[in-house]
């Protein structure tokens, strides 16, 4: 009965491992050594605890004087550690706890039974039982990962994490998987957002993961992290954060609002707009400025922001909304801004807006050229200053010269009709350039 195999196991160990409960009962009644350990330091109770649905075997060993329930194997694991790793193993855990299992013992990697239970999905009852027996939830493993940290990536583990938070898990403990300067709460939020786990984001923010004294708001960081085009779930998290008192008047807040406006979920972004200061500058830019520079198709949304008080004269580094739209050649946006009263007396690439439009006229597709001509006329109507039209670029050409080069005779005539040009020679020179151009 004391013979051992190559693994250091006696027949008693082998019978437990094989699940032969009747044979084990005979060994127990015959006085087999319950504390005998194999080469891995495992007692028969260890072997029973790491089997699924093995409550009867565990009960038999515990009720008949098994080795100390807190014996640790070569890896520092107790029977409780092993039982905690198994799903739907609450009955075995309960028996071990009732027999005096120490919930605070750590294995050689620094993990308690709670750490292991927290990594197991659908193991909420086990976590609850361990917490009720006062597991030391601030104990860290060598990578400083709490039971809370280990549980967070599990999308369906909200109840387990809520239990951990309720029992005082420290969400601000640093984590060596990121820079020590980043508190643990940010890791939790980022992982929850990455998993599109809106419920977990809510849970963590409700617990207080929205900022630490001296640190930027984690709600803000998560807000920016959630702004992921193409993800409905991330959009929902973004909206929830913005609509639940996470300050939207920040760089991340503006990023999220612009991103969410891309989606055709009007109720969401209109609700966010109602909480935003549309004219506050974050990193030098207003929300409208970010919208204009990001996309040329959101003309209706530009109207909405302007109707709600957004300033059309917003600037960033001496660029206006109109000049940045023109520089990007977003002609539809240029037309919209001119229609809404934007000052056309701006420089684009060192040129007046009119000169810029005429210079790039030939780049426009054939079917869009009439719209471009209408835009040029609109700009002319918006500005009556002769100096605006007569200003020459670095090549010495005025708007009239560019109009003739582009073959826009009607625009050239409009310029001549609108302004009484005193420099007839300049006019004739421009005409000659235009004729020369069309002769080639």
Protein backbone atom coordinates (compact mmCIF):
# COMPACT_ATOMS: atom_id res chain seq x y z
CA UNK A 1 0.00 0.00 0.00
CA UNK A 2 3.02 2.25 0.46
CA UNK A 3 4.61 1.43 -2.88
CA UNK A 4 5.06 4.50 -5.12
CA UNK A 5 5.15 4.90 -8.89
CA UNK A 6 7.47 7.13 -10.91
CA UNK A 7 5.32 10.17 -10.02
CA UNK A 8 5.73 9.45 -6.35
CA UNK A 9 2.12 8.36 -6.01
CA UNK A 10 0.95 5.52 -3.81
CA UNK A 11 -2.01 3.34 -4.81
CA UNK A 12 -4.13 5.60 -2.59
CA UNK A 13 -3.26 8.60 -4.81
CA UNK A 14 -3.94 6.59 -7.96
CA UNK A 15 -7.36 5.48 -6.74
CA UNK A 16 -8.35 9.08 -5.94
CA UNK A 17 -7.07 10.28 -9.31
CA UNK A 18 -9.01 7.50 -11.07
CA UNK A 19 -12.20 8.45 -9.23
CA UNK A 20 -12.56 4.95 -7.78
CA UNK A 21 -14.48 6.05 -4.70
CA UNK A 22 -15.18 2.52 -3.40
CA UNK A 23 -11.47 1.67 -3.55
CA UNK A 24 -10.61 4.96 -1.85
CA UNK A 25 -13.08 4.14 0.91
CA UNK A 26 -11.24 0.86 1.51
CA UNK A 27 -7.90 2.68 1.72
CA UNK A 28 -9.36 5.21 4.15
CA UNK A 29 -10.83 2.47 6.34
CA UNK A 30 -7.50 0.62 6.18
CA UNK A 31 -5.59 3.61 7.57
CA UNK A 32 -3.87 4.86 4.40
CA UNK A 33 -1.72 7.97 4.95
CA UNK A 34 -3.98 10.91 4.02
CA UNK A 35 -1.07 13.39 4.16
CA UNK A 36 1.16 11.48 1.72
CA UNK A 37 2.42 13.77 -1.05
CA UNK A 38 3.54 12.79 -4.52
CA UNK A 39 6.51 14.28 -6.37
CA UNK A 40 4.45 17.41 -7.05
CA UNK A 41 3.61 17.83 -3.39
CA UNK A 42 -0.02 16.82 -3.95
CA UNK A 43 -1.99 14.97 -1.31
CA UNK A 44 -5.01 12.80 -2.18
CA UNK A 45 -7.17 15.84 -1.32
CA UNK A 46 -5.34 17.93 -3.94
CA UNK A 47 -6.02 15.26 -6.55
CA UNK A 48 -9.69 15.11 -5.61
CA UNK A 49 -10.09 18.91 -5.67
CA UNK A 50 -8.75 19.33 -9.19
CA UNK A 51 -11.35 16.96 -10.65
CA UNK A 52 -14.70 18.21 -11.97
CA UNK A 53 -17.84 17.33 -10.02
CA UNK A 54 -15.88 15.37 -7.44
CA UNK A 55 -17.79 16.45 -4.35
CA UNK A 56 -18.38 12.91 -3.08
CA UNK A 57 -14.67 12.10 -3.15
CA UNK A 58 -13.79 15.36 -1.38
CA UNK A 59 -16.47 14.74 1.24
CA UNK A 60 -15.15 11.22 1.85
CA UNK A 61 -11.60 12.47 2.40
CA UNK A 62 -12.61 15.42 4.57
CA UNK A 63 -14.96 13.43 6.78
CA UNK A 64 -12.41 10.71 7.36
CA UNK A 65 -9.48 12.78 8.52
CA UNK A 66 -7.83 13.98 5.32
CA UNK A 67 -4.48 15.74 5.49
CA UNK A 68 -4.59 19.36 6.57
CA UNK A 69 -6.89 21.18 4.21
CA UNK A 70 -4.21 23.86 3.92
CA UNK A 71 -1.39 21.60 2.73
CA UNK A 72 0.34 23.30 -0.20
CA UNK A 73 1.80 21.44 -3.16
CA UNK A 74 5.10 22.23 -4.87
CA UNK A 75 3.45 25.22 -6.56
CA UNK A 76 2.02 26.51 -3.31
CA UNK A 77 -1.53 25.52 -4.19
CA UNK A 78 -4.01 24.24 -1.65
CA UNK A 79 -7.04 22.12 -2.45
CA UNK A 80 -9.03 25.38 -2.36
CA UNK A 81 -6.87 26.87 -5.13
CA UNK A 82 -7.56 23.84 -7.31
CA UNK A 83 -11.29 23.75 -6.60
CA UNK A 84 -11.62 27.48 -7.29
CA UNK A 85 -10.40 26.98 -10.86
CA UNK A 86 -13.32 24.72 -11.73
CA UNK A 87 -16.67 26.01 -12.96
CA UNK A 88 -19.82 25.10 -11.04
CA UNK A 89 -17.72 23.79 -8.16
CA UNK A 90 -19.35 25.76 -5.35
CA UNK A 91 -20.24 22.68 -3.32
CA UNK A 92 -16.61 21.53 -3.16
CA UNK A 93 -15.47 25.05 -2.27
CA UNK A 94 -18.07 25.24 0.49
CA UNK A 95 -16.90 21.93 1.99
CA UNK A 96 -13.27 23.07 1.96
CA UNK A 97 -14.16 26.40 3.57
CA UNK A 98 -16.22 24.66 6.26
CA UNK A 99 -13.21 22.44 6.95
CA UNK A 100 -11.01 25.47 7.62
CA UNK A 101 -9.44 26.24 4.24
CA UNK A 102 -7.43 29.48 4.46
CA UNK A 103 -8.66 31.84 1.74
CA UNK A 104 -5.60 34.09 2.12
CA UNK A 105 -2.94 31.54 1.22
CA UNK A 106 -1.00 32.37 -1.94
CA UNK A 107 0.60 29.99 -4.39
CA UNK A 108 4.17 30.42 -5.63
CA UNK A 109 2.90 32.94 -8.19
CA UNK A 110 1.26 35.00 -5.47
CA UNK A 111 -2.32 34.08 -6.33
CA UNK A 112 -5.09 33.35 -3.87
CA UNK A 113 -8.08 31.15 -4.60
CA UNK A 114 -9.98 34.37 -5.34
CA UNK A 115 -7.58 35.26 -8.14
CA UNK A 116 -8.25 31.90 -9.75
CA UNK A 117 -12.01 32.03 -9.23
CA UNK A 118 -12.13 35.53 -10.74
CA UNK A 119 -10.61 34.22 -13.97
CA UNK A 120 -13.34 31.63 -14.39
CA UNK A 121 -16.48 32.69 -16.25
CA UNK A 122 -19.84 31.97 -14.66
CA UNK A 123 -18.14 31.57 -11.28
CA UNK A 124 -20.03 34.32 -9.46
CA UNK A 125 -21.16 32.12 -6.58
CA UNK A 126 -17.61 30.95 -5.93
CA UNK A 127 -16.35 34.53 -5.85
CA UNK A 128 -19.16 35.45 -3.45
CA UNK A 129 -18.30 32.54 -1.14
CA UNK A 130 -14.61 33.43 -1.06
CA UNK A 131 -15.37 37.09 -0.42
CA UNK A 132 -17.72 36.22 2.42
CA UNK A 133 -14.85 34.29 3.98
CA UNK A 134 -12.69 37.40 3.72
CA UNK A 135 -10.30 36.68 0.93
CA UNK A 136 -7.55 39.28 1.02
CA UNK A 137 -8.50 40.92 -2.26
CA UNK A 138 -5.61 43.38 -2.22
CA UNK A 139 -3.03 40.59 -2.46
CA UNK A 140 -1.16 40.81 -5.77
CA UNK A 141 0.47 38.16 -7.86
CA UNK A 142 3.99 38.88 -9.22
CA UNK A 143 2.53 40.96 -12.05
CA UNK A 144 0.45 42.87 -9.54
CA UNK A 145 -2.83 41.69 -11.00
CA UNK A 146 -5.73 41.75 -8.58
CA UNK A 147 -8.66 39.39 -8.68
CA UNK A 148 -10.55 42.41 -10.03
CA UNK A 149 -7.99 42.91 -12.76
CA UNK A 150 -8.12 39.26 -13.77
CA UNK A 151 -11.90 39.27 -13.84
CA UNK A 152 -12.32 42.43 -15.91
CA UNK A 153 -11.62 41.00 -19.38
CA UNK A 154 -14.48 38.54 -18.97
CA UNK A 155 -17.42 40.21 -20.69
CA UNK A 156 -20.05 38.24 -18.79
CA UNK A 157 -18.44 38.58 -15.39
CA UNK A 158 -20.06 41.85 -14.23
CA UNK A 159 -21.56 40.29 -11.12
CA UNK A 160 -18.21 38.88 -9.98
CA UNK A 161 -16.52 42.25 -10.47
CA UNK A 162 -19.33 44.05 -8.71
CA UNK A 163 -18.82 41.71 -5.77
CA UNK A 164 -15.11 42.49 -5.75
CA UNK A 165 -15.75 46.23 -5.87
CA UNK A 166 -18.38 46.02 -3.15
CA UNK A 167 -15.89 44.23 -0.90
CA UNK A 168 -13.29 46.96 -1.35
CA UNK A 169 -11.13 45.88 -4.28
CA UNK A 170 -8.66 48.68 -4.98
CA UNK A 171 -9.20 49.80 -8.56
CA UNK A 172 -6.35 52.30 -8.32
CA UNK A 173 -3.54 49.81 -7.73
CA UNK A 174 -0.82 50.13 -10.35
CA UNK A 175 -0.34 47.39 -12.91
CA UNK A 176 3.05 46.41 -14.27
CA UNK A 177 1.53 45.66 -17.66
CA UNK A 178 1.39 49.43 -18.26
CA UNK A 179 3.45 52.39 -17.18
CA UNK A 180 3.43 52.72 -13.37
CA UNK A 181 2.21 56.28 -13.90
CA UNK A 182 -1.14 54.93 -15.09
CA UNK A 183 -3.43 53.97 -12.21
CA UNK A 184 -5.09 50.58 -12.35
CA UNK A 185 -8.56 52.00 -12.97
CA UNK A 186 -7.59 53.17 -16.43
CA UNK A 187 -6.57 49.64 -17.35
CA UNK A 188 -9.95 48.36 -16.18
CA UNK A 189 -11.84 50.94 -18.20
CA UNK A 190 -9.75 50.46 -21.31
CA UNK A 191 -10.21 46.70 -21.22
CA UNK A 192 -13.93 47.03 -20.67
CA UNK A 193 -14.20 49.45 -23.60
CA UNK A 194 -12.04 47.22 -25.79
CA UNK A 195 -14.46 44.37 -25.10
CA UNK A 196 -17.41 46.63 -26.01
CA UNK A 197 -18.64 45.96 -22.48
CA UNK A 198 -20.89 48.91 -21.76
CA UNK A 199 -22.18 47.44 -18.50
CA UNK A 200 -18.64 47.09 -17.20
CA UNK A 201 -17.80 50.68 -18.14
CA UNK A 202 -20.85 51.83 -16.20
CA UNK A 203 -19.94 49.67 -13.23
CA UNK A 204 -16.37 50.92 -12.99
CA UNK A 205 -17.30 54.58 -13.37
CA UNK A 206 -20.03 54.23 -10.77
CA UNK A 207 -17.42 52.79 -8.40
CA UNK A 208 -15.25 55.87 -8.87
CA UNK A 209 -12.91 55.11 -11.75
CA UNK A 210 -13.50 58.57 -13.17
CA UNK A 211 -10.44 60.26 -11.84
CA UNK A 212 -7.74 60.40 -9.21
CA UNK A 213 -6.42 63.58 -7.65
CA UNK A 214 -3.58 64.90 -9.76
CA UNK A 215 -4.41 62.63 -12.70
CA UNK A 216 -6.49 63.25 -15.85
CA UNK A 217 -9.99 61.88 -15.73
CA UNK A 218 -10.19 58.22 -16.68
CA UNK A 219 -13.65 58.87 -17.97
CA UNK A 220 -12.06 61.23 -20.47
CA UNK A 221 -9.42 58.70 -21.47
CA UNK A 222 -12.03 56.03 -21.94
CA UNK A 223 -14.21 58.50 -23.82
CA UNK A 224 -11.46 58.99 -26.36
CA UNK A 225 -10.60 55.29 -26.43
CA UNK A 226 -14.24 54.48 -27.15
CA UNK A 227 -14.38 56.73 -30.22
CA UNK A 228 -13.81 53.89 -32.66
CA UNK A 229 -15.51 54.33 -36.05
CA UNK A 230 -17.27 51.19 -37.20
CA UNK A 231 -18.33 49.89 -33.81
CA UNK A 232 -21.94 50.28 -32.72
CA UNK A 233 -21.05 49.16 -29.20
CA UNK A 234 -18.23 51.68 -28.89
CA UNK A 235 -20.57 54.40 -30.10
CA UNK A 236 -23.04 53.41 -27.39
CA UNK A 237 -20.34 53.54 -24.74
CA UNK A 238 -19.21 56.93 -26.04
CA UNK A 239 -22.73 58.28 -25.83
CA UNK A 240 -23.28 56.85 -22.38
CA UNK A 241 -20.10 58.44 -21.07
CA UNK A 242 -20.91 61.80 -22.61
CA UNK A 243 -24.50 61.75 -21.40
CA UNK A 244 -23.63 60.80 -17.82
CA UNK A 245 -21.68 63.80 -16.62
CA UNK A 246 -18.34 62.92 -18.18
CA UNK A 247 -17.19 66.36 -19.33
CA UNK A 248 -17.45 66.54 -23.11
CA UNK A 249 -15.64 69.88 -23.35
CA UNK A 250 -12.24 68.23 -23.67
CA UNK A 251 -10.14 66.97 -26.55
CA UNK A 252 -11.47 63.43 -26.09
CA UNK A 253 -15.00 64.71 -25.65
CA UNK A 254 -14.82 66.66 -28.89
CA UNK A 255 -13.30 63.68 -30.66
CA UNK A 256 -16.17 61.49 -29.50
CA UNK A 257 -18.82 64.01 -30.48
CA UNK A 258 -17.40 64.42 -33.97
CA UNK A 259 -17.12 60.65 -34.31
CA UNK A 260 -20.64 60.00 -33.06
CA UNK A 261 -22.03 62.66 -35.41
CA UNK A 262 -20.76 60.47 -38.23
CA UNK A 263 -23.40 57.92 -37.28
CA UNK A 264 -26.99 58.48 -38.25
CA UNK A 265 -28.23 58.22 -34.68
CA UNK A 266 -29.48 61.73 -34.31
CA UNK A 267 -30.94 61.37 -30.81
CA UNK A 268 -27.53 60.37 -29.46
CA UNK A 269 -25.43 63.20 -30.83
CA UNK A 270 -28.10 65.84 -30.38
CA UNK A 271 -28.23 64.89 -26.71
CA UNK A 272 -24.45 65.21 -26.54
CA UNK A 273 -24.54 68.60 -28.28
CA UNK A 274 -26.97 69.87 -25.67
CA UNK A 275 -24.29 69.23 -23.01
CA UNK A 276 -21.42 70.75 -24.96
CA UNK A 277 -20.15 74.32 -25.04
CA UNK A 278 -20.01 74.60 -28.82
CA UNK A 279 -17.62 77.55 -28.79
CA UNK A 280 -15.10 76.40 -26.22
CA UNK A 281 -11.69 75.80 -27.76
CA UNK A 282 -9.93 72.58 -26.81
CA UNK A 283 -6.36 72.46 -28.06
CA UNK A 284 -7.27 75.56 -30.04
CA UNK A 285 -10.21 74.06 -31.92
CA UNK A 286 -13.97 74.25 -31.52
CA UNK A 287 -16.27 71.32 -32.24
CA UNK A 288 -17.38 72.96 -35.50
CA UNK A 289 -13.78 73.41 -36.58
CA UNK A 290 -13.07 69.72 -35.93
CA UNK A 291 -16.16 68.75 -37.88
CA UNK A 292 -15.27 70.91 -40.88
CA UNK A 293 -11.68 69.66 -41.10
CA UNK A 294 -12.72 66.01 -40.65
CA UNK A 295 -15.32 65.46 -43.34
CA UNK A 296 -16.75 67.36 -46.30
CA UNK A 297 -20.09 65.53 -46.38
CA UNK A 298 -21.56 66.64 -43.06
CA UNK A 299 -23.19 69.79 -44.38
CA UNK A 300 -26.46 69.21 -42.52
CA UNK A 301 -24.57 68.81 -39.26
CA UNK A 302 -22.71 72.06 -39.88
CA UNK A 303 -26.11 73.72 -40.22
CA UNK A 304 -27.25 72.20 -36.92
CA UNK A 305 -24.18 73.41 -35.04
CA UNK A 306 -24.46 76.89 -36.53
CA UNK A 307 -28.17 77.03 -35.74
CA UNK A 308 -27.32 76.18 -32.12
CA UNK A 309 -24.87 79.02 -31.79
CA UNK A 310 -21.54 77.69 -33.02
CA UNK A 311 -19.34 80.53 -34.24
CA UNK A 312 -18.66 80.58 -37.96
CA UNK A 313 -15.59 82.79 -37.42
CA UNK A 314 -13.75 80.17 -35.34
CA UNK A 315 -10.02 80.00 -36.08
CA UNK A 316 -7.11 77.70 -35.45
CA UNK A 317 -3.58 79.00 -36.02
CA UNK A 318 -4.88 81.81 -38.25
CA UNK A 319 -6.97 79.41 -40.34
CA UNK A 320 -10.70 79.98 -40.50
CA UNK A 321 -13.34 77.34 -41.13
CA UNK A 322 -13.57 78.57 -44.70
CA UNK A 323 -9.84 78.56 -45.36
CA UNK A 324 -9.35 75.04 -43.97
CA UNK A 325 -12.27 73.71 -46.05
CA UNK A 326 -10.88 75.39 -49.17
CA UNK A 327 -7.37 74.14 -48.48
CA UNK A 328 -8.71 70.58 -48.31
CA UNK A 329 -10.68 71.29 -51.53
CA UNK A 330 -13.95 70.41 -49.83
CA UNK A 331 -15.91 72.58 -52.24
CA UNK A 332 -19.34 71.60 -50.94
CA UNK A 333 -18.27 72.66 -47.46
CA UNK A 334 -16.86 75.91 -48.86
CA UNK A 335 -20.21 76.64 -50.51
CA UNK A 336 -22.09 75.85 -47.30
CA UNK A 337 -19.90 78.17 -45.22
CA UNK A 338 -20.16 80.99 -47.76
CA UNK A 339 -23.94 80.58 -47.80
CA UNK A 340 -23.96 80.79 -44.01
CA UNK A 341 -22.09 84.09 -44.08
CA UNK A 342 -18.44 83.16 -43.58
CA UNK A 343 -16.02 86.00 -44.31
CA UNK A 344 -14.60 85.29 -47.78
CA UNK A 345 -11.69 87.69 -47.28
CA UNK A 346 -9.32 84.90 -46.22
CA UNK A 347 -6.04 83.58 -47.50
CA UNK A 348 -5.70 79.99 -48.67
CA UNK A 349 -2.19 78.85 -49.45
CA UNK A 350 -1.12 82.48 -49.68
CA UNK A 351 -3.88 83.33 -52.16
CA UNK A 352 -7.28 84.93 -51.82
CA UNK A 353 -10.19 82.52 -51.75
CA UNK A 354 -11.31 83.73 -55.17
CA UNK A 355 -7.87 83.19 -56.69
CA UNK A 356 -7.67 79.75 -55.04
CA UNK A 357 -11.03 78.71 -56.51
CA UNK A 358 -10.12 79.90 -59.99
CA UNK A 359 -6.66 78.35 -59.85
CA UNK A 360 -8.13 74.93 -59.05
CA UNK A 361 -11.11 75.20 -61.37
CA UNK A 362 -9.66 72.89 -64.01
CA UNK A 363 -9.10 70.18 -61.37
CA UNK A 364 -12.84 69.87 -60.84
CA UNK A 365 -14.70 67.18 -62.77
CA UNK A 366 -16.54 68.31 -65.88
CA UNK A 367 -19.99 67.80 -64.38
CA UNK A 368 -19.07 69.77 -61.24
CA UNK A 369 -17.70 72.81 -63.04
CA UNK A 370 -21.01 74.66 -63.19
CA UNK A 371 -21.29 74.34 -59.42
CA UNK A 372 -17.76 75.69 -59.12
CA UNK A 373 -18.65 78.67 -61.35
CA UNK A 374 -21.65 79.36 -59.16
CA UNK A 375 -19.40 79.24 -56.10
CA UNK A 376 -16.98 81.72 -57.66
CA UNK A 377 -19.87 84.08 -58.42
CA UNK A 378 -21.13 83.70 -54.86
CA UNK A 379 -17.71 84.66 -53.49
CA UNK A 380 -17.62 87.69 -55.78
CA UNK A 381 -21.04 88.76 -54.53
CA UNK A 382 -19.90 88.41 -50.91
CA UNK A 383 -16.94 90.77 -51.32
CA UNK A 384 -17.14 94.19 -52.94
CA UNK A 385 -13.57 95.28 -52.28
CA UNK A 386 -11.54 95.96 -55.42
CA UNK A 387 -8.32 95.15 -53.54
CA UNK A 388 -9.63 91.62 -52.94
CA UNK A 389 -10.02 90.91 -56.66
CA UNK A 390 -6.98 92.83 -57.86
CA UNK A 391 -4.50 91.26 -55.43
CA UNK A 392 -1.85 89.36 -57.39
CA UNK A 393 -0.33 86.05 -56.34
CA UNK A 394 3.41 85.25 -56.30
CA UNK A 395 3.27 84.69 -60.07
CA UNK A 396 1.89 88.18 -60.56
CA UNK A 397 -1.55 86.95 -61.65
CA UNK A 398 -4.79 88.42 -60.36
CA UNK A 399 -8.17 86.73 -60.11
CA UNK A 400 -8.92 88.07 -63.59
CA UNK A 401 -5.81 86.39 -64.97
CA UNK A 402 -6.76 83.07 -63.40
CA UNK A 403 -10.32 83.39 -64.74
CA UNK A 404 -9.02 83.87 -68.26
CA UNK A 405 -6.53 81.02 -67.89
CA UNK A 406 -9.40 78.74 -66.86
CA UNK A 407 -11.50 79.89 -69.82
CA UNK A 408 -14.09 81.47 -67.53
CA UNK A 409 -14.91 84.40 -69.80
CA UNK A 410 -18.21 85.00 -68.03
CA UNK A 411 -16.37 85.28 -64.71
CA UNK A 412 -13.86 87.66 -66.30
CA UNK A 413 -16.74 89.77 -67.64
CA UNK A 414 -18.38 89.71 -64.21
CA UNK A 415 -15.17 90.99 -62.64
CA UNK A 416 -14.95 93.77 -65.24
CA UNK A 417 -18.57 94.73 -64.75
CA UNK A 418 -18.29 94.70 -60.97
CA UNK A 419 -15.10 96.73 -60.77
CA UNK A 420 -14.12 99.76 -62.87
CA UNK A 421 -10.57 98.77 -63.68
CA UNK A 422 -8.38 101.83 -64.10
CA UNK A 423 -5.44 99.78 -65.31
CA UNK A 424 -6.63 99.16 -68.89
CA UNK A 425 -3.23 97.91 -69.88
CA UNK A 426 -3.40 95.23 -67.23
CA UNK A 427 -6.82 94.24 -68.51
CA UNK A 428 -5.64 94.02 -72.12
CA UNK A 429 -2.63 92.03 -70.97
CA UNK A 430 -4.94 89.60 -69.22
CA UNK A 431 -7.15 89.28 -72.33
CA UNK A 432 -4.11 88.60 -74.47
CA UNK A 433 -2.98 85.89 -72.06
CA UNK A 434 -6.43 84.33 -72.23
CA UNK A 435 -6.50 84.37 -76.05
CA UNK A 436 -3.00 82.93 -76.15
CA UNK A 437 -4.09 80.18 -73.78
CA UNK A 438 -7.09 79.16 -75.88
CA UNK A 439 -5.10 79.30 -79.12
CA UNK A 440 -2.64 76.69 -77.88
